[in-house]
């Protein structure tokens, strides 16, 4: 079954990536702080689209590189796996 994905800005301001069939559980939720909203002047949906696109590209690259996630995470303990910061 072919499933389409859509980006939707909810009434509370969150942007979600969800299946077009209206599944109640979004695949991704992006929440911008009020401070960020002030700086991006109503461009939340466009920025969320770029973020999702970049994520899809990163997954694509990682999938092409066999064992990418397994090797990178093999040396990390449980606390490091729960929260990662990338600069």
N, C-alpha and C. Protein backbone atom coordinates (compact mmCIF):
# COMPACT_ATOMS: atom_id res chain seq x y z
N UNK A 1 0.83 -1.18 0.00
CA UNK A 1 0.00 0.00 0.00
C UNK A 1 0.88 1.25 0.00
N UNK A 2 0.61 2.16 -0.90
CA UNK A 2 1.36 3.39 -1.01
C UNK A 2 0.81 4.40 -0.02
N UNK A 3 1.71 4.99 0.76
CA UNK A 3 1.30 5.96 1.77
C UNK A 3 2.02 7.27 1.51
N UNK A 4 1.26 8.35 1.45
CA UNK A 4 1.84 9.67 1.26
C UNK A 4 2.03 10.35 2.61
N UNK A 5 3.05 11.20 2.67
CA UNK A 5 3.33 11.95 3.89
C UNK A 5 3.01 13.42 3.65
N UNK A 6 2.60 14.10 4.72
CA UNK A 6 2.31 15.53 4.60
C UNK A 6 2.80 16.25 5.84
N UNK A 7 3.19 17.50 5.64
CA UNK A 7 3.55 18.38 6.74
C UNK A 7 2.33 19.24 7.05
N UNK A 8 1.98 19.30 8.33
CA UNK A 8 0.80 20.04 8.75
C UNK A 8 1.16 20.92 9.93
N UNK A 9 0.77 22.19 9.88
CA UNK A 9 0.93 23.07 11.02
C UNK A 9 -0.35 23.00 11.85
N UNK A 10 -0.23 22.55 13.08
CA UNK A 10 -1.39 22.38 13.96
C UNK A 10 -1.80 23.71 14.57
N UNK A 11 -2.98 23.74 15.15
CA UNK A 11 -3.51 24.95 15.78
C UNK A 11 -2.61 25.47 16.90
N UNK A 12 -1.88 24.56 17.58
CA UNK A 12 -1.00 24.97 18.68
C UNK A 12 0.36 25.45 18.18
N UNK A 13 0.58 25.45 16.84
CA UNK A 13 1.83 25.93 16.27
C UNK A 13 2.84 24.84 15.96
N UNK A 14 2.63 23.64 16.48
CA UNK A 14 3.53 22.53 16.16
C UNK A 14 3.39 22.18 14.68
N UNK A 15 4.47 21.71 14.09
CA UNK A 15 4.43 21.21 12.72
C UNK A 15 4.68 19.71 12.81
N UNK A 16 3.81 18.92 12.20
CA UNK A 16 3.95 17.46 12.26
C UNK A 16 4.08 16.89 10.86
N UNK A 17 4.87 15.82 10.78
CA UNK A 17 4.95 15.00 9.58
C UNK A 17 4.08 13.80 9.86
N UNK A 18 3.07 13.60 9.02
CA UNK A 18 2.13 12.51 9.26
C UNK A 18 1.74 11.85 7.95
N UNK A 19 1.15 10.69 8.07
CA UNK A 19 0.62 10.02 6.89
C UNK A 19 -0.64 10.77 6.45
N UNK A 20 -0.84 10.85 5.16
CA UNK A 20 -1.98 11.61 4.65
C UNK A 20 -3.31 10.97 5.01
N UNK A 21 -3.30 9.72 5.41
CA UNK A 21 -4.54 9.05 5.83
C UNK A 21 -5.04 9.57 7.16
N UNK A 22 -4.28 10.43 7.83
CA UNK A 22 -4.72 11.04 9.07
C UNK A 22 -4.46 10.21 10.31
N UNK A 23 -3.43 9.40 10.30
CA UNK A 23 -3.05 8.63 11.48
C UNK A 23 -2.87 9.60 12.65
N UNK A 24 -3.39 9.24 13.81
CA UNK A 24 -3.33 10.13 14.97
C UNK A 24 -1.93 10.30 15.54
N UNK A 25 -1.02 9.39 15.23
CA UNK A 25 0.34 9.46 15.75
C UNK A 25 1.28 9.99 14.67
N UNK A 26 1.71 11.24 14.80
CA UNK A 26 2.62 11.79 13.78
C UNK A 26 3.97 11.09 13.82
N UNK A 27 4.64 11.07 12.67
CA UNK A 27 5.96 10.46 12.59
C UNK A 27 7.02 11.37 13.20
N UNK A 28 6.84 12.68 13.03
CA UNK A 28 7.77 13.68 13.54
C UNK A 28 6.97 14.88 14.02
N UNK A 29 7.37 15.47 15.14
CA UNK A 29 6.77 16.71 15.62
C UNK A 29 7.88 17.73 15.80
N UNK A 30 7.68 18.92 15.22
CA UNK A 30 8.65 20.01 15.36
C UNK A 30 7.95 21.14 16.10
N UNK A 31 8.57 21.55 17.20
CA UNK A 31 7.99 22.62 18.02
C UNK A 31 9.01 23.75 18.11
N UNK A 32 8.62 24.93 17.67
CA UNK A 32 9.47 26.11 17.73
C UNK A 32 9.13 26.91 18.98
N UNK A 33 10.14 27.39 19.67
CA UNK A 33 9.92 28.23 20.84
C UNK A 33 9.37 29.58 20.39
N UNK A 34 8.80 30.31 21.32
CA UNK A 34 8.28 31.65 21.00
C UNK A 34 9.40 32.57 20.50
N UNK A 35 10.56 32.46 21.14
CA UNK A 35 11.71 33.28 20.73
C UNK A 35 12.08 32.99 19.27
N UNK A 36 12.09 31.72 18.91
CA UNK A 36 12.42 31.34 17.54
C UNK A 36 11.35 31.84 16.58
N UNK A 37 10.09 31.69 16.96
CA UNK A 37 8.99 32.16 16.11
C UNK A 37 9.12 33.65 15.80
N UNK A 38 9.57 34.44 16.78
CA UNK A 38 9.75 35.88 16.57
C UNK A 38 10.84 36.15 15.53
N UNK A 39 11.86 35.30 15.51
CA UNK A 39 12.98 35.51 14.60
C UNK A 39 12.70 35.03 13.17
N UNK A 40 11.84 34.05 13.02
CA UNK A 40 11.62 33.48 11.68
C UNK A 40 10.37 34.03 11.00
N UNK A 41 9.67 34.91 11.65
CA UNK A 41 8.56 35.66 11.04
C UNK A 41 7.60 34.81 10.20
N UNK A 42 6.97 33.83 10.82
CA UNK A 42 5.93 33.07 10.14
C UNK A 42 6.41 32.06 9.12
N UNK A 43 7.67 31.71 9.14
CA UNK A 43 8.21 30.75 8.17
C UNK A 43 8.33 29.35 8.75
N UNK A 44 7.57 29.04 9.77
CA UNK A 44 7.69 27.75 10.46
C UNK A 44 7.54 26.56 9.52
N UNK A 45 6.53 26.60 8.67
CA UNK A 45 6.28 25.47 7.78
C UNK A 45 7.42 25.28 6.78
N UNK A 46 7.94 26.36 6.24
CA UNK A 46 9.04 26.27 5.29
C UNK A 46 10.31 25.74 5.96
N UNK A 47 10.58 26.20 7.17
CA UNK A 47 11.76 25.74 7.89
C UNK A 47 11.59 24.27 8.29
N UNK A 48 10.41 23.90 8.73
CA UNK A 48 10.15 22.49 9.06
C UNK A 48 10.33 21.61 7.84
N UNK A 49 9.88 22.07 6.68
CA UNK A 49 10.06 21.31 5.44
C UNK A 49 11.54 21.08 5.16
N UNK A 50 12.36 22.11 5.32
CA UNK A 50 13.80 21.98 5.10
C UNK A 50 14.42 21.02 6.11
N UNK A 51 13.95 21.06 7.36
CA UNK A 51 14.47 20.18 8.40
C UNK A 51 14.15 18.72 8.08
N UNK A 52 12.92 18.46 7.66
CA UNK A 52 12.51 17.10 7.32
C UNK A 52 13.29 16.61 6.10
N UNK A 53 13.42 17.46 5.11
CA UNK A 53 14.18 17.10 3.91
C UNK A 53 15.62 16.74 4.26
N UNK A 54 16.25 17.53 5.11
CA UNK A 54 17.62 17.25 5.54
C UNK A 54 17.69 15.93 6.30
N UNK A 55 16.69 15.66 7.13
CA UNK A 55 16.64 14.39 7.86
C UNK A 55 16.52 13.20 6.94
N UNK A 56 15.68 13.32 5.92
CA UNK A 56 15.51 12.23 4.96
C UNK A 56 16.82 11.99 4.20
N UNK A 57 17.50 13.05 3.81
CA UNK A 57 18.78 12.91 3.13
C UNK A 57 19.82 12.25 4.04
N UNK A 58 19.84 12.62 5.31
CA UNK A 58 20.79 12.03 6.26
C UNK A 58 20.53 10.55 6.44
N UNK A 59 19.27 10.16 6.52
CA UNK A 59 18.92 8.74 6.66
C UNK A 59 19.32 7.98 5.42
N UNK A 60 19.12 8.58 4.29
CA UNK A 60 19.49 7.97 3.02
C UNK A 60 20.99 7.70 2.96
N UNK A 61 21.77 8.68 3.35
CA UNK A 61 23.23 8.54 3.36
C UNK A 61 23.65 7.48 4.38
N UNK A 62 23.06 7.52 5.56
CA UNK A 62 23.40 6.55 6.61
C UNK A 62 23.04 5.13 6.18
N UNK A 63 21.92 4.97 5.51
CA UNK A 63 21.49 3.65 5.06
C UNK A 63 22.44 3.11 3.99
N UNK A 64 22.99 4.00 3.19
CA UNK A 64 23.93 3.57 2.14
C UNK A 64 25.27 3.14 2.74
N UNK A 65 25.59 3.67 3.91
CA UNK A 65 26.83 3.34 4.58
C UNK A 65 26.54 2.22 5.57
N UNK A 66 26.74 0.98 5.18
CA UNK A 66 26.38 -0.18 5.98
C UNK A 66 26.95 -0.11 7.39
N UNK A 67 26.10 -0.36 8.38
CA UNK A 67 26.54 -0.40 9.76
C UNK A 67 26.82 0.94 10.38
N UNK A 68 26.45 2.01 9.73
CA UNK A 68 26.74 3.37 10.21
C UNK A 68 26.29 3.56 11.65
N UNK A 69 25.04 3.32 11.96
CA UNK A 69 24.52 3.57 13.31
C UNK A 69 25.09 2.58 14.31
N UNK A 70 25.22 1.32 13.92
CA UNK A 70 25.72 0.31 14.84
C UNK A 70 27.15 0.61 15.29
N UNK A 71 28.02 0.94 14.35
CA UNK A 71 29.41 1.22 14.69
C UNK A 71 29.54 2.50 15.49
N UNK A 72 28.79 3.52 15.12
CA UNK A 72 28.88 4.81 15.80
C UNK A 72 28.38 4.71 17.23
N UNK A 73 27.37 3.89 17.49
CA UNK A 73 26.78 3.78 18.81
C UNK A 73 27.38 2.66 19.66
N UNK A 74 28.24 1.83 19.10
CA UNK A 74 28.76 0.67 19.81
C UNK A 74 29.55 1.04 21.05
N UNK A 75 30.27 2.15 21.02
CA UNK A 75 31.13 2.55 22.13
C UNK A 75 30.44 3.46 23.15
N UNK A 76 29.17 3.76 22.94
CA UNK A 76 28.46 4.67 23.84
C UNK A 76 27.73 3.88 24.92
N UNK A 77 27.73 4.43 26.15
CA UNK A 77 26.95 3.78 27.19
C UNK A 77 25.51 4.29 27.11
N UNK A 78 24.62 3.74 27.92
CA UNK A 78 23.18 4.04 27.85
C UNK A 78 22.86 5.52 28.03
N UNK A 79 23.54 6.21 28.95
CA UNK A 79 23.26 7.63 29.17
C UNK A 79 23.63 8.47 27.95
N UNK A 80 24.68 8.08 27.23
CA UNK A 80 25.08 8.81 26.03
C UNK A 80 24.11 8.57 24.88
N UNK A 81 23.49 7.40 24.84
CA UNK A 81 22.53 7.09 23.79
C UNK A 81 21.24 7.87 23.97
N UNK A 82 20.89 8.24 25.19
CA UNK A 82 19.64 8.93 25.44
C UNK A 82 19.67 10.36 24.96
N UNK A 83 20.81 11.01 24.99
CA UNK A 83 20.89 12.41 24.60
C UNK A 83 22.20 12.68 23.88
N UNK A 84 22.08 13.08 22.61
CA UNK A 84 23.26 13.39 21.82
C UNK A 84 23.16 14.84 21.37
N UNK A 85 24.27 15.54 21.42
CA UNK A 85 24.34 16.92 20.96
C UNK A 85 25.30 16.96 19.78
N UNK A 86 24.81 17.49 18.67
CA UNK A 86 25.63 17.61 17.49
C UNK A 86 25.77 19.09 17.16
N UNK A 87 26.99 19.55 17.03
CA UNK A 87 27.24 20.96 16.73
C UNK A 87 27.61 21.13 15.29
